[in-house]
Protein backbone atom coordinates (compact mmCIF):
# COMPACT_ATOMS: atom_id res chain seq x y z
CA MET A 1 32.37 -16.59 117.23
CA PRO A 2 30.35 -16.23 113.96
CA GLN A 3 29.03 -19.32 112.21
CA SER A 4 30.76 -20.47 109.04
CA THR A 5 29.05 -19.03 105.98
CA LEU A 6 28.61 -22.62 104.78
CA ALA A 7 26.47 -23.51 107.81
CA LEU A 8 22.75 -23.99 107.26
CA SER A 9 20.35 -22.01 109.43
CA TYR A 10 16.71 -22.66 110.24
CA THR A 11 15.76 -20.16 107.51
CA ASP A 12 17.86 -22.09 104.96
CA LEU A 13 16.24 -25.40 105.91
CA LYS A 14 12.75 -23.89 105.64
CA ARG A 15 13.54 -22.59 102.16
CA HIS A 16 14.90 -25.92 100.90
CA VAL A 17 12.04 -27.98 102.35
CA ALA A 18 9.37 -25.55 101.11
CA ARG A 19 10.79 -25.62 97.59
CA TYR A 20 10.88 -29.42 97.61
CA MET A 21 7.21 -29.45 98.66
CA ARG A 22 6.52 -26.99 95.79
CA TYR A 23 5.52 -24.22 98.20
CA ASN A 24 6.49 -20.58 97.93
CA PRO A 25 9.01 -20.20 100.81
CA ASP A 26 8.27 -16.46 101.00
CA ASN A 27 4.51 -16.91 101.26
CA LEU A 28 3.64 -20.03 103.24
CA SER A 29 0.10 -20.56 104.40
CA THR A 30 -0.48 -21.50 108.03
CA ALA A 31 -0.98 -25.15 107.08
CA GLN A 32 2.11 -25.17 104.85
CA ALA A 33 4.27 -23.53 107.54
CA THR A 34 3.13 -26.16 110.05
CA GLU A 35 3.95 -28.98 107.61
CA VAL A 36 7.41 -27.56 106.85
CA GLN A 37 8.10 -27.17 110.58
CA ASP A 38 7.04 -30.78 111.24
CA ILE A 39 9.37 -32.01 108.47
CA ILE A 40 12.32 -30.01 109.84
CA ASP A 41 11.64 -31.28 113.37
CA ARG A 42 11.58 -34.89 112.17
CA GLY A 43 14.64 -34.40 109.97
CA TYR A 44 16.58 -32.83 112.82
CA ARG A 45 15.64 -35.66 115.20
CA GLN A 46 16.66 -38.23 112.57
CA PHE A 47 20.01 -36.48 112.17
CA LEU A 48 20.63 -36.24 115.93
CA VAL A 49 19.66 -39.88 116.56
CA PRO A 50 20.53 -41.47 113.20
CA PRO A 51 19.37 -44.87 111.90
CA ILE A 52 23.03 -45.94 112.02
CA HIS A 53 23.81 -45.99 115.74
CA HIS A 54 26.27 -43.24 116.55
CA GLN A 55 26.76 -40.71 119.34
CA TRP A 56 27.85 -37.37 117.92
CA SER A 57 30.86 -35.73 119.57
CA PHE A 58 29.32 -32.28 119.04
CA LEU A 59 26.48 -33.26 121.38
CA ARG A 60 28.91 -33.56 124.32
CA PRO A 61 29.66 -29.99 125.46
CA LYS A 62 31.86 -29.17 128.43
CA ALA A 63 30.31 -27.61 131.52
CA THR A 64 31.24 -26.49 135.02
CA LEU A 65 29.49 -27.00 138.33
CA ALA A 66 30.17 -25.02 141.49
CA THR A 67 29.62 -26.89 144.76
CA ALA A 68 28.73 -25.37 148.11
CA ASP A 69 29.83 -26.41 151.58
CA GLY A 70 27.35 -28.94 152.99
CA THR A 71 25.24 -29.38 149.83
CA ALA A 72 25.20 -32.81 148.19
CA GLU A 73 22.62 -32.39 145.38
CA TYR A 74 22.70 -29.99 142.40
CA ALA A 75 20.48 -29.30 139.40
CA LEU A 76 21.92 -30.11 135.98
CA PRO A 77 21.31 -28.10 132.78
CA ASP A 78 17.78 -28.25 131.31
CA ALA A 79 19.20 -29.78 128.11
CA PHE A 80 21.06 -32.53 130.05
CA ALA A 81 20.55 -36.06 128.71
CA SER A 82 23.35 -38.08 130.35
CA LEU A 83 26.78 -37.70 131.93
CA HIS A 84 29.77 -38.41 129.71
CA GLY A 85 32.85 -39.68 131.52
CA ASP A 86 34.30 -38.73 134.89
CA ILE A 87 34.13 -35.35 136.62
CA THR A 88 37.38 -33.51 137.37
CA TYR A 89 38.59 -30.86 139.77
CA ALA A 90 40.73 -27.86 138.91
CA ALA A 91 44.36 -29.02 138.73
CA GLU A 92 45.43 -27.04 141.79
CA VAL A 93 42.66 -28.56 143.94
CA SER A 94 42.95 -32.29 143.29
CA SER A 95 44.21 -34.73 140.68
CA HIS A 96 41.52 -37.27 141.58
CA LEU A 97 38.50 -38.01 139.40
CA ILE A 98 34.91 -38.12 140.60
CA ARG A 99 33.58 -41.44 139.31
CA PRO A 100 29.90 -41.89 138.30
CA VAL A 101 28.13 -44.72 140.14
CA SER A 102 24.55 -45.78 140.75
CA GLU A 103 22.31 -43.57 142.86
CA GLU A 104 21.63 -46.62 145.05
CA LEU A 105 25.34 -46.85 145.95
CA ILE A 106 25.35 -43.17 146.96
CA ARG A 107 22.39 -43.78 149.27
CA GLN A 108 24.16 -46.77 150.78
CA LYS A 109 27.25 -44.62 151.41
CA GLN A 110 25.12 -41.90 153.00
CA GLN A 111 23.50 -44.46 155.30
CA ILE A 112 26.90 -45.57 156.55
CA SER A 113 28.54 -42.18 156.75
CA ASP A 114 27.22 -38.84 155.56
CA HIS A 115 30.48 -37.01 156.24
CA GLU A 116 31.85 -34.07 154.29
CA GLY A 117 35.00 -33.92 152.17
CA LYS A 118 36.19 -33.78 148.57
CA PRO A 119 33.62 -35.76 146.54
CA GLU A 120 34.89 -39.10 145.25
CA ILE A 121 31.79 -40.50 143.53
CA CYS A 122 28.59 -39.10 142.06
CA ALA A 123 25.27 -40.25 140.64
CA VAL A 124 22.75 -38.71 138.26
CA PHE A 125 19.04 -39.19 138.86
CA PRO A 126 15.83 -37.89 137.21
CA VAL A 127 13.41 -35.42 138.74
CA SER A 128 9.77 -36.14 137.88
CA PRO A 129 7.93 -33.54 135.80
CA THR A 130 5.46 -31.40 137.72
CA GLY A 131 2.76 -29.23 136.16
CA SER A 132 4.29 -27.18 133.34
CA VAL A 133 7.87 -28.12 134.29
CA ALA A 134 9.38 -30.89 132.13
CA GLN A 135 11.51 -33.68 133.56
CA THR A 136 14.97 -32.54 134.66
CA TRP A 137 18.05 -34.20 136.18
CA LYS A 138 20.10 -33.75 139.34
CA ILE A 139 23.50 -34.95 140.46
CA VAL A 140 24.43 -36.05 143.98
CA PHE A 141 27.96 -36.34 145.40
CA TRP A 142 29.56 -38.41 148.14
CA PRO A 143 31.14 -37.37 150.37
CA THR A 144 29.07 -34.20 150.64
CA PRO A 145 31.29 -31.30 149.49
CA ASP A 146 33.04 -29.58 152.38
CA ALA A 147 33.88 -26.44 150.40
CA ALA A 148 33.20 -24.52 147.20
CA TYR A 149 34.80 -26.56 144.38
CA THR A 150 34.66 -25.86 140.67
CA LEU A 151 34.07 -29.13 138.87
CA TYR A 152 34.37 -29.87 135.15
CA TYR A 153 32.35 -32.41 133.19
CA ARG A 154 30.94 -33.27 129.78
CA TYR A 155 27.38 -34.33 129.13
CA GLU A 156 25.14 -35.52 126.33
CA VAL A 157 22.93 -32.62 125.37
CA LEU A 158 19.28 -32.86 124.35
CA PRO A 159 18.87 -30.08 121.74
CA ASP A 160 15.84 -27.84 121.38
CA LYS A 161 13.91 -27.72 118.12
CA LEU A 162 15.08 -25.24 115.48
CA SER A 163 13.23 -21.95 115.27
CA ASP A 164 13.73 -18.28 114.45
CA SER A 165 15.04 -17.78 118.00
CA ASN A 166 17.17 -20.96 117.86
CA PRO A 167 18.35 -20.91 114.23
CA TYR A 168 21.62 -22.87 114.21
CA PRO A 169 21.62 -26.68 114.47
CA TYR A 170 24.27 -28.74 116.22
CA GLY A 171 26.92 -30.06 113.87
CA GLY A 172 27.63 -26.79 112.05
CA ALA A 173 28.85 -26.46 108.50
CA VAL A 174 30.71 -29.79 108.49
CA HIS A 175 27.47 -31.78 108.80
CA ALA A 176 25.11 -29.29 107.14
CA GLU A 177 24.56 -31.33 103.99
CA THR A 178 23.75 -34.42 106.07
CA LEU A 179 21.12 -32.53 108.03
CA LEU A 180 19.66 -31.06 104.83
CA GLN A 181 19.37 -34.49 103.22
CA SER A 182 17.77 -35.83 106.41
CA CYS A 183 15.07 -33.15 106.19
CA LEU A 184 14.56 -33.72 102.45
CA ALA A 185 14.36 -37.48 103.04
CA VAL A 186 11.52 -36.87 105.51
CA ALA A 187 9.84 -34.50 103.04
CA GLU A 188 10.22 -37.08 100.28
CA GLN A 189 8.61 -39.80 102.36
CA ALA A 190 5.81 -37.45 103.44
CA ALA A 191 5.08 -36.49 99.83
CA HIS A 192 5.45 -39.91 98.19
CA GLU A 193 4.97 -42.30 101.15
CA GLU A 194 8.16 -44.16 100.26
CA PRO A 195 11.92 -43.58 100.39
CA GLY A 196 13.73 -42.34 97.30
CA LEU A 197 16.73 -40.34 96.10
CA HIS A 198 17.04 -38.10 99.16
CA THR A 199 16.81 -41.05 101.54
CA ASP A 200 19.72 -42.64 99.67
CA LEU A 201 21.65 -39.35 99.71
CA PHE A 202 21.02 -38.99 103.44
CA MET A 203 22.43 -42.45 104.15
CA HIS A 204 25.55 -41.71 102.08
CA ARG A 205 26.03 -38.32 103.74
CA LEU A 206 25.46 -39.92 107.15
CA LYS A 207 28.23 -42.42 106.48
CA ALA A 208 30.67 -39.59 105.65
CA SER A 209 29.60 -37.56 108.68
CA ILE A 210 30.08 -40.49 111.06
CA ILE A 211 33.58 -41.18 109.73
CA GLN A 212 34.50 -37.50 110.10
CA ASP A 213 33.06 -37.37 113.61
CA GLU A 214 34.91 -40.54 114.65
CA GLU A 215 38.17 -38.88 113.60
CA VAL A 216 37.35 -35.79 115.66
CA SER A 217 36.28 -37.73 118.76
CA ALA A 218 39.46 -39.87 118.63
CA ALA A 219 41.31 -36.69 119.63
CA ASP A 220 39.55 -36.86 123.01
CA TYR A 221 42.34 -39.24 124.11
CA TYR A 222 45.15 -37.20 125.66
CA GLY A 223 47.45 -39.98 126.86
CA TYR A 224 47.57 -42.80 129.37
CA CYS A 225 46.88 -41.57 132.91
CA GLY A 226 48.40 -44.21 135.14
CA ASP A 227 51.67 -45.89 135.92
CA PRO A 228 54.27 -44.17 133.68
CA GLY A 229 56.09 -47.49 133.58
CA ASP A 230 53.15 -49.08 131.79
CA SER A 231 54.18 -49.40 128.17
CA ARG A 232 50.70 -49.89 126.73
CA ILE A 233 50.06 -47.82 123.66
CA PHE A 234 46.63 -46.44 122.83
CA THR A 235 45.52 -46.84 119.22
CA PRO A 236 42.19 -45.19 118.34
CA ARG A 237 39.88 -47.47 116.38
CA ILE A 238 36.93 -46.52 114.24
CA ALA A 239 34.15 -49.01 114.77
CA SER A 240 32.44 -50.63 111.80
CA VAL A 241 28.67 -50.76 111.83
CA SER A 242 26.18 -51.60 109.15
CA TYR A 243 22.62 -50.55 108.27
CA GLY A 244 21.05 -52.56 105.50
CA ALA A 245 23.11 -52.08 102.37
CA TYR A 246 25.14 -49.32 103.99
CA SER A 247 28.30 -49.95 105.96
CA VAL A 248 30.35 -47.55 108.12
C-alpha cells in the first residue's frame, strides 16, 4: 500500500535538516552529508525512544512463527527487541494461549519432562554476537512442539536507521511532524549547543503524538476473555506522565 503523500521520507528529512544547517541540500560535501546523517540518526532515535516515556503502538508489528515436530527453539526476526503479550494458535487448532515465562522455568520444565505436545509456555533469550553477526534473539517452547503449528505474536521492533534504501520511518504521516521537529531539535542543539524553539516544538508535538497513539493502542482491547458471567467492564485509561514543564 502506498505511503500517504503527507508522510516524510528520508529525502525530505535530509532536505529540512540541511536547510536548517544552511547547507545546499542538492550539493552536500562529504563532511556535510555525514553531519546531516548523524543528526537524522539522533533525531530518529529520540523520536523512537522519547524523553517522555512511551512505547509506540506502531513499533509492535504482528508476526507468525511456524513450529516443527520435535524442535523447541526458533530464531526470532533480526529486528526483534522484546515479546509483546501472549502467543496464540490458529482458532481451529487451540483456544489456549502460550504464556511467556522466564528461560530458567523452561529449563526446569525440560529437566523434569522434555515431552512433546502443544506448547503451553515460552521464553525469549539472547544469542551472543559472534564475529560480524550482531546479537539476535531466540524463543524456546515447552512442551516441545509435536507438530507443525502456525503461531501468532506481536513484538517490539528495533528499527534500522533511515537511508536511501530504507526511506520511510515508523509512525507514518500521523507522526511525521513530531519526527521532523525531533531532527531539527537535534540540529538546533548541534549548531547552538543549547535547546531552543525546535526543542520546544518537539516536546509539544510529542505530547500530541503520545495522546493520539494512546487512543489507537486502546483499540487493542477486544473484550474480556474469561467467565462470561463476570460483569467487569473494561475502561481504557490514558496514563498521565510529566517531563519538566510538559505534561501528558
